[in-house]
Amino acid sequence: MSDFHTELMGKCYALVDDKLDLSDFKLWFAAQMAAGAAKSAPSPDPQPTPSKRFTDYVSHAVDDYDPKMAEHHRKLMGSGDPE
């Protein structure tokens, strides 16, 4: 069990036994939540990462002849000669 959970259980028992005032419990709990939120809050990025667009990946129209792609296909499929 974490220290917070152990302390919370003790405060709850004290609250039920009327050994702790509800306003004191609220103040303690708010302080614990603020301290926990400060610890777990992610640090902001100095500069946000730009999102990618489809046009960032495509440098030419899909139907345009591309000699590099034709050479690539030629290597994969062979010359096309039956022999």
N, C-alpha and C. Protein backbone atom coordinates (compact mmCIF):
# COMPACT_ATOMS: atom_id res chain seq x y z
N MET A 1 0.84 -1.18 0.00
CA MET A 1 0.00 0.00 0.00
C MET A 1 0.88 1.24 0.00
N SER A 2 0.43 2.25 -0.70
CA SER A 2 1.21 3.48 -0.75
C SER A 2 1.02 4.28 0.53
N ASP A 3 1.93 5.22 0.75
CA ASP A 3 1.84 6.07 1.93
C ASP A 3 0.56 6.89 1.92
N PHE A 4 0.17 7.36 0.72
CA PHE A 4 -1.06 8.14 0.62
C PHE A 4 -2.26 7.30 1.03
N HIS A 5 -2.31 6.06 0.54
CA HIS A 5 -3.45 5.21 0.84
C HIS A 5 -3.51 4.90 2.34
N THR A 6 -2.36 4.63 2.94
CA THR A 6 -2.31 4.36 4.38
C THR A 6 -2.77 5.57 5.18
N GLU A 7 -2.29 6.74 4.80
CA GLU A 7 -2.67 7.96 5.50
C GLU A 7 -4.14 8.27 5.28
N LEU A 8 -4.64 8.03 4.07
CA LEU A 8 -6.05 8.25 3.78
C LEU A 8 -6.94 7.37 4.64
N MET A 9 -6.57 6.11 4.77
CA MET A 9 -7.36 5.20 5.61
C MET A 9 -7.37 5.67 7.06
N GLY A 10 -6.22 6.12 7.55
CA GLY A 10 -6.16 6.64 8.93
C GLY A 10 -7.03 7.86 9.11
N LYS A 11 -7.00 8.77 8.11
CA LYS A 11 -7.84 9.98 8.18
C LYS A 11 -9.32 9.61 8.13
N CYS A 12 -9.67 8.62 7.32
CA CYS A 12 -11.08 8.20 7.23
C CYS A 12 -11.56 7.62 8.55
N TYR A 13 -10.73 6.78 9.16
CA TYR A 13 -11.11 6.22 10.47
C TYR A 13 -11.24 7.32 11.51
N ALA A 14 -10.33 8.30 11.50
CA ALA A 14 -10.40 9.41 12.45
C ALA A 14 -11.65 10.25 12.19
N LEU A 15 -12.02 10.39 10.95
CA LEU A 15 -13.22 11.15 10.59
C LEU A 15 -14.48 10.45 11.09
N VAL A 16 -14.53 9.14 10.90
CA VAL A 16 -15.69 8.36 11.36
C VAL A 16 -15.78 8.35 12.88
N ASP A 17 -14.64 8.31 13.56
CA ASP A 17 -14.62 8.29 15.02
C ASP A 17 -14.78 9.67 15.63
N ASP A 18 -15.04 10.69 14.80
CA ASP A 18 -15.19 12.08 15.25
C ASP A 18 -13.92 12.62 15.91
N LYS A 19 -12.78 12.11 15.52
CA LYS A 19 -11.52 12.63 16.02
C LYS A 19 -10.93 13.65 15.06
N LEU A 20 -11.56 13.77 13.87
CA LEU A 20 -11.09 14.69 12.85
C LEU A 20 -12.31 15.42 12.29
N ASP A 21 -12.18 16.72 12.15
CA ASP A 21 -13.26 17.54 11.62
C ASP A 21 -13.30 17.37 10.09
N LEU A 22 -14.50 17.42 9.53
CA LEU A 22 -14.65 17.24 8.09
C LEU A 22 -13.93 18.34 7.30
N SER A 23 -13.95 19.57 7.79
CA SER A 23 -13.27 20.66 7.09
C SER A 23 -11.75 20.44 7.08
N ASP A 24 -11.20 19.89 8.18
CA ASP A 24 -9.77 19.58 8.22
C ASP A 24 -9.42 18.47 7.22
N PHE A 25 -10.33 17.47 7.15
CA PHE A 25 -10.11 16.39 6.20
C PHE A 25 -10.15 16.92 4.77
N LYS A 26 -11.08 17.80 4.46
CA LYS A 26 -11.19 18.38 3.12
C LYS A 26 -9.92 19.16 2.76
N LEU A 27 -9.41 19.93 3.69
CA LEU A 27 -8.18 20.68 3.43
C LEU A 27 -7.00 19.74 3.17
N TRP A 28 -6.88 18.70 4.00
CA TRP A 28 -5.80 17.75 3.83
C TRP A 28 -5.90 17.04 2.47
N PHE A 29 -7.11 16.59 2.15
CA PHE A 29 -7.33 15.86 0.92
C PHE A 29 -7.05 16.73 -0.31
N ALA A 30 -7.50 17.98 -0.28
CA ALA A 30 -7.24 18.90 -1.39
C ALA A 30 -5.74 19.14 -1.57
N ALA A 31 -5.02 19.26 -0.46
CA ALA A 31 -3.58 19.45 -0.54
C ALA A 31 -2.89 18.21 -1.12
N GLN A 32 -3.35 17.02 -0.72
CA GLN A 32 -2.77 15.78 -1.24
C GLN A 32 -3.04 15.63 -2.74
N MET A 33 -4.24 15.99 -3.17
CA MET A 33 -4.58 15.88 -4.59
C MET A 33 -3.76 16.89 -5.42
N ALA A 34 -3.58 18.07 -4.89
CA ALA A 34 -2.79 19.07 -5.61
C ALA A 34 -1.33 18.64 -5.71
N ALA A 35 -0.80 18.05 -4.65
CA ALA A 35 0.58 17.58 -4.67
C ALA A 35 0.74 16.40 -5.62
N GLY A 36 -0.24 15.51 -5.64
CA GLY A 36 -0.20 14.36 -6.55
C GLY A 36 -0.35 14.77 -7.99
N ALA A 37 -1.20 15.75 -8.26
CA ALA A 37 -1.40 16.22 -9.63
C ALA A 37 -0.15 16.91 -10.14
N ALA A 38 0.54 17.60 -9.27
CA ALA A 38 1.77 18.28 -9.68
C ALA A 38 2.85 17.26 -10.01
N LYS A 39 2.89 16.15 -9.29
CA LYS A 39 3.88 15.11 -9.55
C LYS A 39 3.61 14.38 -10.85
N SER A 40 2.33 14.07 -11.10
CA SER A 40 2.00 13.24 -12.25
C SER A 40 1.72 14.03 -13.52
N ALA A 41 1.71 15.34 -13.45
CA ALA A 41 1.43 16.14 -14.64
C ALA A 41 2.59 16.03 -15.62
N PRO A 42 2.28 15.73 -16.88
CA PRO A 42 3.37 15.63 -17.86
C PRO A 42 3.96 17.00 -18.16
N SER A 43 5.24 17.01 -18.42
CA SER A 43 5.87 18.28 -18.76
C SER A 43 5.47 18.66 -20.18
N PRO A 44 5.15 19.91 -20.41
CA PRO A 44 4.71 20.30 -21.74
C PRO A 44 5.87 20.25 -22.73
N ASP A 45 5.56 19.87 -23.96
CA ASP A 45 6.57 19.85 -25.01
C ASP A 45 6.94 21.28 -25.35
N PRO A 46 8.23 21.56 -25.57
CA PRO A 46 8.62 22.92 -25.92
C PRO A 46 8.01 23.36 -27.25
N GLN A 47 7.98 22.45 -28.21
CA GLN A 47 7.34 22.75 -29.49
C GLN A 47 6.51 21.54 -29.89
N PRO A 48 5.26 21.75 -30.24
CA PRO A 48 4.44 20.60 -30.62
C PRO A 48 4.94 20.00 -31.93
N THR A 49 4.79 18.70 -32.04
CA THR A 49 5.20 17.99 -33.24
C THR A 49 4.17 18.25 -34.33
N PRO A 50 4.62 18.69 -35.51
CA PRO A 50 3.65 18.94 -36.58
C PRO A 50 3.04 17.63 -37.07
N SER A 51 1.78 17.65 -37.39
CA SER A 51 1.13 16.45 -37.87
C SER A 51 1.48 16.21 -39.33
N LYS A 52 1.50 14.95 -39.72
CA LYS A 52 1.83 14.57 -41.09
C LYS A 52 0.57 14.65 -41.96
N ARG A 53 0.78 15.03 -43.18
CA ARG A 53 -0.30 15.04 -44.16
C ARG A 53 0.06 14.05 -45.25
N PHE A 54 -0.93 13.60 -46.00
CA PHE A 54 -0.69 12.65 -47.07
C PHE A 54 0.27 13.24 -48.09
N THR A 55 0.16 14.54 -48.34
CA THR A 55 1.01 15.18 -49.34
C THR A 55 2.47 15.20 -48.89
N ASP A 56 2.75 15.01 -47.61
CA ASP A 56 4.13 14.93 -47.15
C ASP A 56 4.81 13.65 -47.63
N TYR A 57 4.02 12.62 -47.88
CA TYR A 57 4.57 11.34 -48.31
C TYR A 57 4.59 11.18 -49.83
N VAL A 58 3.70 11.87 -50.52
CA VAL A 58 3.58 11.72 -51.96
C VAL A 58 4.19 12.95 -52.62
N SER A 59 5.22 12.73 -53.43
CA SER A 59 5.87 13.86 -54.06
C SER A 59 5.46 14.02 -55.52
N HIS A 60 4.63 13.12 -56.03
CA HIS A 60 4.17 13.20 -57.42
C HIS A 60 2.77 12.59 -57.51
N ALA A 61 2.12 12.84 -58.61
CA ALA A 61 0.79 12.27 -58.80
C ALA A 61 0.91 10.76 -58.92
N VAL A 62 -0.12 10.06 -58.51
CA VAL A 62 -0.09 8.61 -58.48
C VAL A 62 0.07 8.03 -59.88
N ASP A 63 -0.57 8.63 -60.87
CA ASP A 63 -0.54 8.08 -62.23
C ASP A 63 0.65 8.54 -63.06
N ASP A 64 1.48 9.41 -62.54
CA ASP A 64 2.66 9.86 -63.29
C ASP A 64 3.67 8.73 -63.43
N TYR A 65 4.35 8.71 -64.58
CA TYR A 65 5.40 7.72 -64.81
C TYR A 65 6.60 8.05 -63.94
N ASP A 66 7.08 7.07 -63.23
CA ASP A 66 8.23 7.25 -62.36
C ASP A 66 9.31 6.25 -62.80
N PRO A 67 10.40 6.74 -63.37
CA PRO A 67 11.43 5.82 -63.85
C PRO A 67 12.05 4.96 -62.75
N LYS A 68 12.17 5.49 -61.56
CA LYS A 68 12.72 4.70 -60.45
C LYS A 68 11.79 3.54 -60.10
N MET A 69 10.48 3.81 -60.08
CA MET A 69 9.52 2.76 -59.78
C MET A 69 9.49 1.73 -60.91
N ALA A 70 9.60 2.18 -62.16
CA ALA A 70 9.62 1.25 -63.30
C ALA A 70 10.84 0.34 -63.20
N GLU A 71 11.98 0.89 -62.84
CA GLU A 71 13.19 0.07 -62.67
C GLU A 71 13.03 -0.92 -61.52
N HIS A 72 12.41 -0.48 -60.46
CA HIS A 72 12.14 -1.36 -59.33
C HIS A 72 11.25 -2.53 -59.75
N HIS A 73 10.19 -2.24 -60.49
CA HIS A 73 9.29 -3.30 -60.96
C HIS A 73 9.99 -4.23 -61.94
N ARG A 74 10.84 -3.68 -62.77
CA ARG A 74 11.59 -4.49 -63.72
C ARG A 74 12.49 -5.49 -62.98
N LYS A 75 13.11 -5.02 -61.90
CA LYS A 75 13.96 -5.92 -61.11
C LYS A 75 13.15 -7.02 -60.43
N LEU A 76 11.95 -6.66 -59.97
CA LEU A 76 11.11 -7.65 -59.29
C LEU A 76 10.52 -8.66 -60.27
N MET A 77 10.01 -8.17 -61.40
CA MET A 77 9.27 -9.02 -62.33
C MET A 77 10.15 -9.58 -63.46
N GLY A 78 11.34 -9.10 -63.60
CA GLY A 78 12.19 -9.54 -64.70
C GLY A 78 11.92 -8.65 -65.91
N SER A 79 12.55 -8.99 -67.01
CA SER A 79 12.45 -8.15 -68.20
C SER A 79 11.13 -8.34 -68.93
N GLY A 80 10.45 -9.44 -68.73
CA GLY A 80 9.20 -9.70 -69.44
C GLY A 80 9.40 -10.59 -70.66
N ASP A 81 10.62 -10.88 -71.00
CA ASP A 81 10.90 -11.79 -72.11
C ASP A 81 10.57 -13.23 -71.70
N PRO A 82 9.94 -13.99 -72.61
CA PRO A 82 9.60 -15.36 -72.25
C PRO A 82 10.81 -16.27 -72.09
N GLU A 83 11.95 -15.88 -72.61
CA GLU A 83 13.14 -16.73 -72.51
C GLU A 83 13.96 -16.45 -71.33
